[in-house]
Amino acid sequence: MLKNPDDTFFGLVDARQVAEILRSTKRAGYEAVATQFTEQKLADWINSSNTEGLKTLPGFVGWKDALDSKADREKALQQMNALGIQTIPVVNNGKFVGIIEQSKLTASILSEVATKINSQ
């Protein structure tokens, strides 16, 4: 999770994806990726608050795509599907408050439907 200097939410990056890319750049055939993402570039982007560089990281979800904490489950699923992501950051008044995972959200909806069916 990345924050702006004023402590508001900037974006979320999947650290596993970034780590995999950094590992893969050391393998043959990944020369194009190696020029775009290096450990040094990542460190420079973070240390200099290079927001444009950070936005190019794989799996980056910026504040504009974050889910408002008042959004319902349907809105969360729609937004995740539209963005093609499995997790989405949640914000309240620009501040990061958590993450919603699509699998857990879907499971909660299915559980609620099953409960309603069984109670009829």
PDB file of N, CA and C in Angstrom:
ATOM      1  N   MET A   1       0.848  -1.158   0.000  1.00  0.00           N
ATOM      2  CA  MET A   1       0.000   0.000   0.000  1.00  0.00           C
ATOM      3  C   MET A   1       0.901   1.232   0.000  1.00  0.00           C
ATOM      4  N   LEU A   2       0.614   2.143  -0.897  1.00  0.00           N
ATOM      5  CA  LEU A   2       1.409   3.364  -1.032  1.00  0.00           C
ATOM      6  C   LEU A   2       0.561   4.564  -0.646  1.00  0.00           C
ATOM      7  N   LYS A   3       1.167   5.486   0.123  1.00  0.00           N
ATOM      8  CA  LYS A   3       0.455   6.686   0.563  1.00  0.00           C
ATOM      9  C   LYS A   3       1.088   7.928  -0.036  1.00  0.00           C
ATOM     10  N   ASN A   4       0.279   8.952  -0.165  1.00  0.00           N
ATOM     11  CA  ASN A   4       0.764  10.279  -0.544  1.00  0.00           C
ATOM     12  C   ASN A   4       1.432  10.913   0.682  1.00  0.00           C
ATOM     13  N   PRO A   5       2.225  11.967   0.484  1.00  0.00           N
ATOM     14  CA  PRO A   5       2.859  12.636   1.629  1.00  0.00           C
ATOM     15  C   PRO A   5       1.855  13.132   2.680  1.00  0.00           C
ATOM     16  N   ASP A   6       0.622  13.439   2.261  1.00  0.00           N
ATOM     17  CA  ASP A   6      -0.391  13.909   3.216  1.00  0.00           C
ATOM     18  C   ASP A   6      -1.143  12.755   3.883  1.00  0.00           C
ATOM     19  N   ASP A   7      -0.629  11.533   3.721  1.00  0.00           N
ATOM     20  CA  ASP A   7      -1.164  10.324   4.351  1.00  0.00           C
ATOM     21  C   ASP A   7      -2.429   9.787   3.687  1.00  0.00           C
ATOM     22  N   THR A   8      -2.837  10.368   2.555  1.00  0.00           N
ATOM     23  CA  THR A   8      -3.979   9.820   1.834  1.00  0.00           C
ATOM     24  C   THR A   8      -3.508   8.659   0.961  1.00  0.00           C
ATOM     25  N   PHE A   9      -4.443   7.839   0.555  1.00  0.00           N
ATOM     26  CA  PHE A   9      -4.151   6.650  -0.241  1.00  0.00           C
ATOM     27  C   PHE A   9      -3.692   7.052  -1.639  1.00  0.00           C
ATOM     28  N   PHE A  10      -2.581   6.477  -2.083  1.00  0.00           N
ATOM     29  CA  PHE A  10      -2.084   6.689  -3.442  1.00  0.00           C
ATOM     30  C   PHE A  10      -2.386   5.485  -4.329  1.00  0.00           C
ATOM     31  N   GLY A  11      -2.052   4.301  -3.852  1.00  0.00           N
ATOM     32  CA  GLY A  11      -2.281   3.120  -4.668  1.00  0.00           C
ATOM     33  C   GLY A  11      -1.864   1.845  -3.963  1.00  0.00           C
ATOM     34  N   LEU A  12      -2.228   0.753  -4.589  1.00  0.00           N
ATOM     35  CA  LEU A  12      -1.931  -0.575  -4.067  1.00  0.00           C
ATOM     36  C   LEU A  12      -1.225  -1.358  -5.158  1.00  0.00           C
ATOM     37  N   VAL A  13      -0.165  -2.053  -4.776  1.00  0.00           N
ATOM     38  CA  VAL A  13       0.599  -2.861  -5.712  1.00  0.00           C
ATOM     39  C   VAL A  13       0.659  -4.275  -5.175  1.00  0.00           C
ATOM     40  N   ASP A  14       0.545  -5.251  -6.060  1.00  0.00           N
ATOM     41  CA  ASP A  14       0.668  -6.649  -5.664  1.00  0.00           C
ATOM     42  C   ASP A  14       2.157  -6.972  -5.540  1.00  0.00           C
ATOM     43  N   ALA A  15       2.634  -7.062  -4.317  1.00  0.00           N
ATOM     44  CA  ALA A  15       4.064  -7.287  -4.071  1.00  0.00           C
ATOM     45  C   ALA A  15       4.538  -8.604  -4.669  1.00  0.00           C
ATOM     46  N   ARG A  16       3.669  -9.612  -4.697  1.00  0.00           N
ATOM     47  CA  ARG A  16       4.071 -10.899  -5.288  1.00  0.00           C
ATOM     48  C   ARG A  16       4.348 -10.742  -6.773  1.00  0.00           C
ATOM     49  N   GLN A  17       3.513  -9.979  -7.474  1.00  0.00           N
ATOM     50  CA  GLN A  17       3.737  -9.757  -8.902  1.00  0.00           C
ATOM     51  C   GLN A  17       5.028  -8.988  -9.140  1.00  0.00           C
ATOM     52  N   VAL A  18       5.279  -7.987  -8.336  1.00  0.00           N
ATOM     53  CA  VAL A  18       6.496  -7.190  -8.491  1.00  0.00           C
ATOM     54  C   VAL A  18       7.717  -8.070  -8.228  1.00  0.00           C
ATOM     55  N   ALA A  19       7.672  -8.867  -7.174  1.00  0.00           N
ATOM     56  CA  ALA A  19       8.801  -9.749  -6.852  1.00  0.00           C
ATOM     57  C   ALA A  19       9.054 -10.744  -7.979  1.00  0.00           C
ATOM     58  N   GLU A  20       7.992 -11.278  -8.552  1.00  0.00           N
ATOM     59  CA  GLU A  20       8.148 -12.240  -9.650  1.00  0.00           C
ATOM     60  C   GLU A  20       8.793 -11.575 -10.862  1.00  0.00           C
ATOM     61  N   ILE A  21       8.383 -10.368 -11.168  1.00  0.00           N
ATOM     62  CA  ILE A  21       8.981  -9.660 -12.303  1.00  0.00           C
ATOM     63  C   ILE A  21      10.448  -9.370 -12.038  1.00  0.00           C
ATOM     64  N   LEU A  22      10.760  -8.936 -10.832  1.00  0.00           N
ATOM     65  CA  LEU A  22      12.162  -8.655 -10.514  1.00  0.00           C
ATOM     66  C   LEU A  22      13.002  -9.930 -10.605  1.00  0.00           C
ATOM     67  N   ARG A  23      12.452 -11.062 -10.185  1.00  0.00           N
ATOM     68  CA  ARG A  23      13.171 -12.335 -10.311  1.00  0.00           C
ATOM     69  C   ARG A  23      13.310 -12.733 -11.775  1.00  0.00           C
ATOM     70  N   SER A  24      12.251 -12.526 -12.548  1.00  0.00           N
ATOM     71  CA  SER A  24      12.259 -12.967 -13.944  1.00  0.00           C
ATOM     72  C   SER A  24      13.199 -12.143 -14.812  1.00  0.00           C
ATOM     73  N   THR A  25      13.483 -10.911 -14.407  1.00  0.00           N
ATOM     74  CA  THR A  25      14.370 -10.076 -15.220  1.00  0.00           C
ATOM     75  C   THR A  25      15.795 -10.632 -15.252  1.00  0.00           C
ATOM     76  N   LYS A  26      16.081 -11.522 -14.349  1.00  0.00           N
ATOM     77  CA  LYS A  26      17.415 -12.129 -14.317  1.00  0.00           C
ATOM     78  C   LYS A  26      17.488 -13.365 -15.217  1.00  0.00           C
ATOM     79  N   ARG A  27      16.370 -13.722 -15.860  1.00  0.00           N
ATOM     80  CA  ARG A  27      16.330 -14.904 -16.724  1.00  0.00           C
ATOM     81  C   ARG A  27      16.444 -14.495 -18.189  1.00  0.00           C
ATOM     82  N   ALA A  28      16.971 -15.395 -18.976  1.00  0.00           N
ATOM     83  CA  ALA A  28      17.081 -15.152 -20.423  1.00  0.00           C
ATOM     84  C   ALA A  28      15.689 -14.976 -21.015  1.00  0.00           C
ATOM     85  N   GLY A  29      15.561 -14.067 -21.957  1.00  0.00           N
ATOM     86  CA  GLY A  29      14.291 -13.830 -22.630  1.00  0.00           C
ATOM     87  C   GLY A  29      13.461 -12.726 -22.003  1.00  0.00           C
ATOM     88  N   TYR A  30      13.935 -12.174 -20.904  1.00  0.00           N
ATOM     89  CA  TYR A  30      13.175 -11.128 -20.211  1.00  0.00           C
ATOM     90  C   TYR A  30      13.876  -9.770 -20.300  1.00  0.00           C
ATOM     91  N   GLU A  31      14.677  -9.584 -21.341  1.00  0.00           N
ATOM     92  CA  GLU A  31      15.454  -8.364 -21.459  1.00  0.00           C
ATOM     93  C   GLU A  31      14.580  -7.112 -21.524  1.00  0.00           C
ATOM     94  N   ALA A  32      13.440  -7.196 -22.229  1.00  0.00           N
ATOM     95  CA  ALA A  32      12.550  -6.030 -22.343  1.00  0.00           C
ATOM     96  C   ALA A  32      11.983  -5.649 -20.981  1.00  0.00           C
ATOM     97  N   VAL A  33      11.611  -6.642 -20.202  1.00  0.00           N
ATOM     98  CA  VAL A  33      11.092  -6.382 -18.859  1.00  0.00           C
ATOM     99  C   VAL A  33      12.201  -5.830 -17.982  1.00  0.00           C
ATOM    100  N   ALA A  34      13.405  -6.357 -18.155  1.00  0.00           N
ATOM    101  CA  ALA A  34      14.542  -5.937 -17.322  1.00  0.00           C
ATOM    102  C   ALA A  34      14.844  -4.454 -17.479  1.00  0.00           C
ATOM    103  N   THR A  35      14.624  -3.886 -18.660  1.00  0.00           N
ATOM    104  CA  THR A  35      14.892  -2.459 -18.841  1.00  0.00           C
ATOM    105  C   THR A  35      13.790  -1.599 -18.230  1.00  0.00           C
ATOM    106  N   GLN A  36      12.589  -2.147 -18.129  1.00  0.00           N
ATOM    107  CA  GLN A  36      11.471  -1.378 -17.578  1.00  0.00           C
ATOM    108  C   GLN A  36      11.428  -1.457 -16.048  1.00  0.00           C
ATOM    109  N   PHE A  37      11.665  -2.639 -15.488  1.00  0.00           N
ATOM    110  CA  PHE A  37      11.581  -2.843 -14.043  1.00  0.00           C
ATOM    111  C   PHE A  37      12.876  -3.439 -13.522  1.00  0.00           C
ATOM    112  N   THR A  38      13.562  -2.677 -12.711  1.00  0.00           N
ATOM    113  CA  THR A  38      14.753  -3.192 -12.035  1.00  0.00           C
ATOM    114  C   THR A  38      14.605  -2.866 -10.555  1.00  0.00           C
ATOM    115  N   GLU A  39      15.356  -3.564  -9.756  1.00  0.00           N
ATOM    116  CA  GLU A  39      15.324  -3.284  -8.320  1.00  0.00           C
ATOM    117  C   GLU A  39      15.713  -1.837  -8.051  1.00  0.00           C
ATOM    118  N   GLN A  40      16.704  -1.354  -8.791  1.00  0.00           N
ATOM    119  CA  GLN A  40      17.163   0.025  -8.591  1.00  0.00           C
ATOM    120  C   GLN A  40      16.093   1.028  -9.007  1.00  0.00           C
ATOM    121  N   LYS A  41      15.425   0.778 -10.153  1.00  0.00           N
ATOM    122  CA  LYS A  41      14.356   1.693 -10.585  1.00  0.00           C
ATOM    123  C   LYS A  41      13.235   1.735  -9.557  1.00  0.00           C
ATOM    124  N   LEU A  42      12.860   0.565  -9.046  1.00  0.00           N
ATOM    125  CA  LEU A  42      11.801   0.510  -8.048  1.00  0.00           C
ATOM    126  C   LEU A  42      12.200   1.305  -6.807  1.00  0.00           C
ATOM    127  N   ALA A  43      13.412   1.102  -6.344  1.00  0.00           N
ATOM    128  CA  ALA A  43      13.896   1.847  -5.171  1.00  0.00           C
ATOM    129  C   ALA A  43      13.902   3.350  -5.456  1.00  0.00           C
ATOM    130  N   ASP A  44      14.349   3.740  -6.643  1.00  0.00           N
ATOM    131  CA  ASP A  44      14.376   5.165  -7.011  1.00  0.00           C
ATOM    132  C   ASP A  44      12.967   5.753  -7.050  1.00  0.00           C
ATOM    133  N   TRP A  45      12.030   5.000  -7.630  1.00  0.00           N
ATOM    134  CA  TRP A  45      10.649   5.485  -7.704  1.00  0.00           C
ATOM    135  C   TRP A  45      10.077   5.712  -6.309  1.00  0.00           C
ATOM    136  N   ILE A  46      10.326   4.780  -5.422  1.00  0.00           N
ATOM    137  CA  ILE A  46       9.788   4.898  -4.063  1.00  0.00           C
ATOM    138  C   ILE A  46      10.474   6.047  -3.324  1.00  0.00           C
ATOM    139  N   ASN A  47      11.797   6.102  -3.389  1.00  0.00           N
ATOM    140  CA  ASN A  47      12.543   7.130  -2.655  1.00  0.00           C
ATOM    141  C   ASN A  47      12.296   8.539  -3.171  1.00  0.00           C
ATOM    142  N   SER A  48      11.983   8.672  -4.458  1.00  0.00           N
ATOM    143  CA  SER A  48      11.753  10.005  -5.022  1.00  0.00           C
ATOM    144  C   SER A  48      10.264  10.319  -5.182  1.00  0.00           C
ATOM    145  N   SER A  49       9.416   9.420  -4.708  1.00  0.00           N
ATOM    146  CA  SER A  49       7.959   9.584  -4.861  1.00  0.00           C
ATOM    147  C   SER A  49       7.578   9.784  -6.321  1.00  0.00           C
ATOM    148  N   ASN A  50       8.214   9.013  -7.207  1.00  0.00           N
ATOM    149  CA  ASN A  50       7.928   9.077  -8.637  1.00  0.00           C
ATOM    150  C   ASN A  50       6.587   8.377  -8.899  1.00  0.00           C
ATOM    151  N   THR A  51       5.519   9.151  -8.841  1.00  0.00           N
ATOM    152  CA  THR A  51       4.191   8.552  -8.960  1.00  0.00           C
ATOM    153  C   THR A  51       3.933   7.963 -10.338  1.00  0.00           C
ATOM    154  N   GLU A  52       4.475   8.565 -11.373  1.00  0.00           N
ATOM    155  CA  GLU A  52       4.248   8.025 -12.723  1.00  0.00           C
ATOM    156  C   GLU A  52       4.932   6.669 -12.881  1.00  0.00           C
ATOM    157  N   GLY A  53       6.124   6.530 -12.358  1.00  0.00           N
ATOM    158  CA  GLY A  53       6.815   5.241 -12.409  1.00  0.00           C
ATOM    159  C   GLY A  53       6.077   4.188 -11.615  1.00  0.00           C
ATOM    160  N   LEU A  54       5.621   4.550 -10.413  1.00  0.00           N
ATOM    161  CA  LEU A  54       4.907   3.595  -9.562  1.00  0.00           C
ATOM    162  C   LEU A  54       3.619   3.107 -10.223  1.00  0.00           C
ATOM    163  N   LYS A  55       2.955   3.986 -10.966  1.00  0.00           N
ATOM    164  CA  LYS A  55       1.702   3.607 -11.635  1.00  0.00           C
ATOM    165  C   LYS A  55       1.914   2.540 -12.702  1.00  0.00           C
ATOM    166  N   THR A  56       3.145   2.367 -13.168  1.00  0.00           N
ATOM    167  CA  THR A  56       3.411   1.363 -14.202  1.00  0.00           C
ATOM    168  C   THR A  56       3.662  -0.027 -13.625  1.00  0.00           C
ATOM    169  N   LEU A  57       3.717  -0.131 -12.306  1.00  0.00           N
ATOM    170  CA  LEU A  57       3.961  -1.431 -11.689  1.00  0.00           C
ATOM    171  C   LEU A  57       2.802  -2.377 -11.968  1.00  0.00           C
ATOM    172  N   PRO A  58       3.085  -3.656 -12.157  1.00  0.00           N
ATOM    173  CA  PRO A  58       2.022  -4.628 -12.439  1.00  0.00           C
ATOM    174  C   PRO A  58       1.062  -4.743 -11.266  1.00  0.00           C
ATOM    175  N   GLY A  59      -0.207  -4.803 -11.583  1.00  0.00           N
ATOM    176  CA  GLY A  59      -1.227  -4.950 -10.548  1.00  0.00           C
ATOM    177  C   GLY A  59      -1.513  -3.676  -9.783  1.00  0.00           C
ATOM    178  N   PHE A  60      -0.996  -2.530 -10.258  1.00  0.00           N
ATOM    179  CA  PHE A  60      -1.219  -1.269  -9.556  1.00  0.00           C
ATOM    180  C   PHE A  60      -2.693  -0.882  -9.626  1.00  0.00           C
ATOM    181  N   VAL A  61      -3.262  -0.519  -8.470  1.00  0.00           N
ATOM    182  CA  VAL A  61      -4.633   0.008  -8.402  1.00  0.00           C
ATOM    183  C   VAL A  61      -4.528   1.353  -7.702  1.00  0.00           C
ATOM    184  N   GLY A  62      -4.818   2.412  -8.437  1.00  0.00           N
ATOM    185  CA  GLY A  62      -4.692   3.762  -7.900  1.00  0.00           C
ATOM    186  C   GLY A  62      -5.907   4.227  -7.130  1.00  0.00           C
ATOM    187  N   TRP A  63      -5.763   5.388  -6.537  1.00  0.00           N
ATOM    188  CA  TRP A  63      -6.836   5.937  -5.698  1.00  0.00           C
ATOM    189  C   TRP A  63      -8.129   6.148  -6.475  1.00  0.00           C
ATOM    190  N   LYS A  64      -8.029   6.439  -7.765  1.00  0.00           N
ATOM    191  CA  LYS A  64      -9.244   6.662  -8.558  1.00  0.00           C
ATOM    192  C   LYS A  64     -10.074   5.382  -8.695  1.00  0.00           C
ATOM    193  N   ASP A  65      -9.407   4.228  -8.621  1.00  0.00           N
ATOM    194  CA  ASP A  65     -10.102   2.945  -8.761  1.00  0.00           C
ATOM    195  C   ASP A  65     -10.405   2.287  -7.420  1.00  0.00           C
ATOM    196  N   ALA A  66      -9.990   2.913  -6.327  1.00  0.00           N
ATOM    197  CA  ALA A  66     -10.265   2.360  -5.003  1.00  0.00           C
ATOM    198  C   ALA A  66     -11.770   2.410  -4.736  1.00  0.00           C
ATOM    199  N   LEU A  67     -12.226   1.505  -3.931  1.00  0.00           N
ATOM    200  CA  LEU A  67     -13.648   1.394  -3.597  1.00  0.00           C
ATOM    201  C   LEU A  67     -13.955   2.238  -2.369  1.00  0.00           C
ATOM    202  N   ASP A  68     -15.002   3.023  -2.442  1.00  0.00           N
ATOM    203  CA  ASP A  68     -15.427   3.798  -1.284  1.00  0.00           C
ATOM    204  C   ASP A  68     -15.981   2.852  -0.226  1.00  0.00           C
ATOM    205  N   SER A  69     -15.708   3.137   1.022  1.00  0.00           N
ATOM    206  CA  SER A  69     -16.124   2.250   2.113  1.00  0.00           C
ATOM    207  C   SER A  69     -17.648   2.115   2.229  1.00  0.00           C
ATOM    208  N   LYS A  70     -18.384   3.028   1.622  1.00  0.00           N
ATOM    209  CA  LYS A  70     -19.847   2.955   1.683  1.00  0.00           C
ATOM    210  C   LYS A  70     -20.457   2.144   0.535  1.00  0.00           C
ATOM    211  N   ALA A  71     -19.606   1.680  -0.388  1.00  0.00           N
ATOM    212  CA  ALA A  71     -20.095   0.917  -1.546  1.00  0.00           C
ATOM    213  C   ALA A  71     -20.620  -0.443  -1.097  1.00  0.00           C
ATOM    214  N   ASP A  72     -21.620  -0.937  -1.826  1.00  0.00           N
ATOM    215  CA  ASP A  72     -22.159  -2.257  -1.501  1.00  0.00           C
ATOM    216  C   ASP A  72     -21.373  -3.363  -2.215  1.00  0.00           C
ATOM    217  N   ARG A  73     -21.720  -4.602  -1.917  1.00  0.00           N
ATOM    218  CA  ARG A  73     -20.994  -5.749  -2.477  1.00  0.00           C
ATOM    219  C   ARG A  73     -21.119  -5.817  -3.992  1.00  0.00           C
ATOM    220  N   GLU A  74     -22.286  -5.473  -4.513  1.00  0.00           N
ATOM    221  CA  GLU A  74     -22.485  -5.498  -5.965  1.00  0.00           C
ATOM    222  C   GLU A  74     -21.542  -4.521  -6.661  1.00  0.00           C
ATOM    223  N   LYS A  75     -21.443  -3.324  -6.114  1.00  0.00           N
ATOM    224  CA  LYS A  75     -20.538  -2.311  -6.674  1.00  0.00           C
ATOM    225  C   LYS A  75     -19.083  -2.805  -6.609  1.00  0.00           C
ATOM    226  N   ALA A  76     -18.725  -3.433  -5.503  1.00  0.00           N
ATOM    227  CA  ALA A  76     -17.356  -3.948  -5.351  1.00  0.00           C
ATOM    228  C   ALA A  76     -17.054  -4.988  -6.422  1.00  0.00           C
ATOM    229  N   LEU A  77     -17.959  -5.930  -6.620  1.00  0.00           N
ATOM    230  CA  LEU A  77     -17.743  -6.971  -7.635  1.00  0.00           C
ATOM    231  C   LEU A  77     -17.700  -6.373  -9.037  1.00  0.00           C
ATOM    232  N   GLN A  78     -18.591  -5.435  -9.333  1.00  0.00           N
ATOM    233  CA  GLN A  78     -18.597  -4.793 -10.648  1.00  0.00           C
ATOM    234  C   GLN A  78     -17.268  -4.084 -10.915  1.00  0.00           C
ATOM    235  N   GLN A  79     -16.776  -3.377  -9.927  1.00  0.00           N
ATOM    236  CA  GLN A  79     -15.540  -2.628 -10.103  1.00  0.00           C
ATOM    237  C   GLN A  79     -14.344  -3.581 -10.270  1.00  0.00           C
ATOM    238  N   MET A  80     -14.321  -4.640  -9.488  1.00  0.00           N
ATOM    239  CA  MET A  80     -13.235  -5.613  -9.590  1.00  0.00           C
ATOM    240  C   MET A  80     -13.253  -6.281 -10.969  1.00  0.00           C
ATOM    241  N   ASN A  81     -14.434  -6.641 -11.433  1.00  0.00           N
ATOM    242  CA  ASN A  81     -14.537  -7.261 -12.757  1.00  0.00           C
ATOM    243  C   ASN A  81     -14.125  -6.295 -13.864  1.00  0.00           C
ATOM    244  N   ALA A  82     -14.552  -5.048 -13.737  1.00  0.00           N
ATOM    245  CA  ALA A  82     -14.201  -4.042 -14.754  1.00  0.00           C
ATOM    246  C   ALA A  82     -12.690  -3.818 -14.827  1.00  0.00           C
ATOM    247  N   LEU A  83     -12.029  -3.880 -13.668  1.00  0.00           N
ATOM    248  CA  LEU A  83     -10.586  -3.655 -13.621  1.00  0.00           C
ATOM    249  C   LEU A  83      -9.784  -4.941 -13.843  1.00  0.00           C
ATOM    250  N   GLY A  84     -10.463  -6.084 -13.781  1.00  0.00           N
ATOM    251  CA  GLY A  84      -9.776  -7.361 -13.952  1.00  0.00           C
ATOM    252  C   GLY A  84      -8.844  -7.682 -12.795  1.00  0.00           C
ATOM    253  N   ILE A  85      -9.277  -7.364 -11.572  1.00  0.00           N
ATOM    254  CA  ILE A  85      -8.444  -7.587 -10.392  1.00  0.00           C
ATOM    255  C   ILE A  85      -9.151  -8.499  -9.396  1.00  0.00           C
ATOM    256  N   GLN A  86      -8.370  -9.122  -8.535  1.00  0.00           N
ATOM    257  CA  GLN A  86      -8.901 -10.035  -7.525  1.00  0.00           C
ATOM    258  C   GLN A  86      -9.013  -9.385  -6.149  1.00  0.00           C
ATOM    259  N   THR A  87      -8.295  -8.288  -5.944  1.00  0.00           N
ATOM    260  CA  THR A  87      -8.378  -7.539  -4.688  1.00  0.00           C
ATOM    261  C   THR A  87      -8.526  -6.063  -5.029  1.00  0.00           C
ATOM    262  N   ILE A  88      -9.257  -5.362  -4.155  1.00  0.00           N
ATOM    263  CA  ILE A  88      -9.452  -3.932  -4.393  1.00  0.00           C
ATOM    264  C   ILE A  88      -9.276  -3.187  -3.072  1.00  0.00           C
ATOM    265  N   PRO A  89      -8.541  -2.073  -3.108  1.00  0.00           N
ATOM    266  CA  PRO A  89      -8.385  -1.276  -1.897  1.00  0.00           C
ATOM    267  C   PRO A  89      -9.678  -0.532  -1.570  1.00  0.00           C
ATOM    268  N   VAL A  90      -9.898  -0.329  -0.288  1.00  0.00           N
ATOM    269  CA  VAL A  90     -11.079   0.390   0.184  1.00  0.00           C
ATOM    270  C   VAL A  90     -10.609   1.647   0.906  1.00  0.00           C
ATOM    271  N   VAL A  91     -11.254   2.765   0.588  1.00  0.00           N
ATOM    272  CA  VAL A  91     -10.893   4.043   1.201  1.00  0.00           C
ATOM    273  C   VAL A  91     -12.106   4.718   1.827  1.00  0.00           C
ATOM    274  N   ASN A  92     -11.824   5.540   2.826  1.00  0.00           N
ATOM    275  CA  ASN A  92     -12.844   6.355   3.470  1.00  0.00           C
ATOM    276  C   ASN A  92     -12.256   7.754   3.594  1.00  0.00           C
ATOM    277  N   ASN A  93     -12.858   8.721   2.895  1.00  0.00           N
ATOM    278  CA  ASN A  93     -12.348  10.101   2.877  1.00  0.00           C
ATOM    279  C   ASN A  93     -10.883  10.154   2.460  1.00  0.00           C
ATOM    280  N   GLY A  94     -10.529   9.362   1.456  1.00  0.00           N
ATOM    281  CA  GLY A  94      -9.178   9.370   0.926  1.00  0.00           C
ATOM    282  C   GLY A  94      -8.169   8.554   1.700  1.00  0.00           C
ATOM    283  N   LYS A  95      -8.568   8.013   2.840  1.00  0.00           N
ATOM    284  CA  LYS A  95      -7.665   7.219   3.673  1.00  0.00           C
ATOM    285  C   LYS A  95      -7.911   5.729   3.437  1.00  0.00           C
ATOM    286  N   PHE A  96      -6.840   4.979   3.336  1.00  0.00           N
ATOM    287  CA  PHE A  96      -6.917   3.534   3.155  1.00  0.00           C
ATOM    288  C   PHE A  96      -7.481   2.894   4.420  1.00  0.00           C
ATOM    289  N   VAL A  97      -8.517   2.042   4.243  1.00  0.00           N
ATOM    290  CA  VAL A  97      -9.102   1.360   5.408  1.00  0.00           C
ATOM    291  C   VAL A  97      -9.051  -0.159   5.288  1.00  0.00           C
ATOM    292  N   GLY A  98      -8.737  -0.681   4.098  1.00  0.00           N
ATOM    293  CA  GLY A  98      -8.650  -2.131   3.974  1.00  0.00           C
ATOM    294  C   GLY A  98      -8.658  -2.604   2.537  1.00  0.00           C
ATOM    295  N   ILE A  99      -8.763  -3.920   2.406  1.00  0.00           N
ATOM    296  CA  ILE A  99      -8.762  -4.573   1.101  1.00  0.00           C
ATOM    297  C   ILE A  99      -9.896  -5.580   1.078  1.00  0.00           C
ATOM    298  N   ILE A 100     -10.554  -5.681  -0.057  1.00  0.00           N
ATOM    299  CA  ILE A 100     -11.579  -6.704  -0.255  1.00  0.00           C
ATOM    300  C   ILE A 100     -11.061  -7.685  -1.290  1.00  0.00           C
ATOM    301  N   GLU A 101     -11.160  -8.968  -0.967  1.00  0.00           N
ATOM    302  CA  GLU A 101     -10.778 -10.017  -1.903  1.00  0.00           C
ATOM    303  C   GLU A 101     -12.025 -10.556  -2.593  1.00  0.00           C
ATOM    304  N   GLN A 102     -11.943 -10.710  -3.907  1.00  0.00           N
ATOM    305  CA  GLN A 102     -13.088 -11.169  -4.680  1.00  0.00           C
ATOM    306  C   GLN A 102     -13.575 -12.533  -4.205  1.00  0.00           C
ATOM    307  N   SER A 103     -12.681 -13.436  -3.902  1.00  0.00           N
ATOM    308  CA  SER A 103     -13.086 -14.783  -3.485  1.00  0.00           C
ATOM    309  C   SER A 103     -13.886 -14.746  -2.188  1.00  0.00           C
ATOM    310  N   LYS A 104     -13.461 -13.941  -1.232  1.00  0.00           N
ATOM    311  CA  LYS A 104     -14.182 -13.847   0.040  1.00  0.00           C
ATOM    312  C   LYS A 104     -15.514 -13.123  -0.130  1.00  0.00           C
ATOM    313  N   LEU A 105     -15.526 -12.128  -0.981  1.00  0.00           N
ATOM    314  CA  LEU A 105     -16.766 -11.397  -1.247  1.00  0.00           C
ATOM    315  C   LEU A 105     -17.790 -12.319  -1.908  1.00  0.00           C
ATOM    316  N   THR A 106     -17.341 -13.063  -2.898  1.00  0.00           N
ATOM    317  CA  THR A 106     -18.225 -14.014  -3.583  1.00  0.00           C
ATOM    318  C   THR A 106     -18.726 -15.086  -2.614  1.00  0.00           C
ATOM    319  N   ALA A 107     -17.843 -15.584  -1.760  1.00  0.00           N
ATOM    320  CA  ALA A 107     -18.236 -16.601  -0.777  1.00  0.00           C
ATOM    321  C   ALA A 107     -19.285 -16.063   0.181  1.00  0.00           C
ATOM    322  N   SER A 108     -19.157 -14.799   0.588  1.00  0.00           N
ATOM    323  CA  SER A 108     -20.139 -14.223   1.508  1.00  0.00           C
ATOM    324  C   SER A 108     -21.502 -14.084   0.845  1.00  0.00           C
ATOM    325  N   ILE A 109     -21.505 -13.748  -0.434  1.00  0.00           N
ATOM    326  CA  ILE A 109     -22.769 -13.628  -1.165  1.00  0.00           C
ATOM    327  C   ILE A 109     -23.418 -15.002  -1.319  1.00  0.00           C
ATOM    328  N   LEU A 110     -22.627 -16.000  -1.689  1.00  0.00           N
ATOM    329  CA  LEU A 110     -23.159 -17.360  -1.827  1.00  0.00           C
ATOM    330  C   LEU A 110     -23.692 -17.892  -0.503  1.00  0.00           C
ATOM    331  N   SER A 111     -22.999 -17.601   0.576  1.00  0.00           N
ATOM    332  CA  SER A 111     -23.446 -18.029   1.898  1.00  0.00           C
ATOM    333  C   SER A 111     -24.783 -17.392   2.258  1.00  0.00           C
ATOM    334  N   GLU A 112     -24.920 -16.120   1.948  1.00  0.00           N
ATOM    335  CA  GLU A 112     -26.174 -15.416   2.225  1.00  0.00           C
ATOM    336  C   GLU A 112     -27.322 -16.003   1.400  1.00  0.00           C
ATOM    337  N   VAL A 113     -27.072 -16.295   0.127  1.00  0.00           N
ATOM    338  CA  VAL A 113     -28.098 -16.890  -0.734  1.00  0.00           C
ATOM    339  C   VAL A 113     -28.492 -18.258  -0.209  1.00  0.00           C
ATOM    340  N   ALA A 114     -27.511 -19.073   0.175  1.00  0.00           N
ATOM    341  CA  ALA A 114     -27.793 -20.407   0.703  1.00  0.00           C
ATOM    342  C   ALA A 114     -28.618 -20.327   1.978  1.00  0.00           C
ATOM    343  N   THR A 115     -28.303 -19.378   2.827  1.00  0.00           N
ATOM    344  CA  THR A 115     -29.065 -19.196   4.069  1.00  0.00           C
ATOM    345  C   THR A 115     -30.505 -18.828   3.776  1.00  0.00           C
ATOM    346  N   LYS A 116     -30.709 -17.939   2.801  1.00  0.00           N
ATOM    347  CA  LYS A 116     -32.076 -17.537   2.426  1.00  0.00           C
ATOM    348  C   LYS A 116     -32.854 -18.707   1.846  1.00  0.00           C
ATOM    349  N   ILE A 117     -32.198 -19.502   1.021  1.00  0.00           N
ATOM    350  CA  ILE A 117     -32.862 -20.662   0.406  1.00  0.00           C
ATOM    351  C   ILE A 117     -33.246 -21.675   1.482  1.00  0.00           C
ATOM    352  N   ASN A 118     -32.344 -21.932   2.398  1.00  0.00           N
ATOM    353  CA  ASN A 118     -32.594 -22.910   3.457  1.00  0.00           C
ATOM    354  C   ASN A 118     -33.645 -22.453   4.456  1.00  0.00           C
ATOM    355  N   SER A 119     -33.852 -21.153   4.594  1.00  0.00           N
ATOM    356  CA  SER A 119     -34.841 -20.653   5.554  1.00  0.00           C
ATOM    357  C   SER A 119     -36.252 -20.597   4.975  1.00  0.00           C
ATOM    358  N   GLN A 120     -36.381 -20.913   3.680  1.00  0.00           N
ATOM    359  CA  GLN A 120     -37.731 -20.858   3.062  1.00  0.00           C
ATOM    360  C   GLN A 120     -38.443 -22.167   3.207  1.00  0.00           C
TER     361      GLN A 120
END
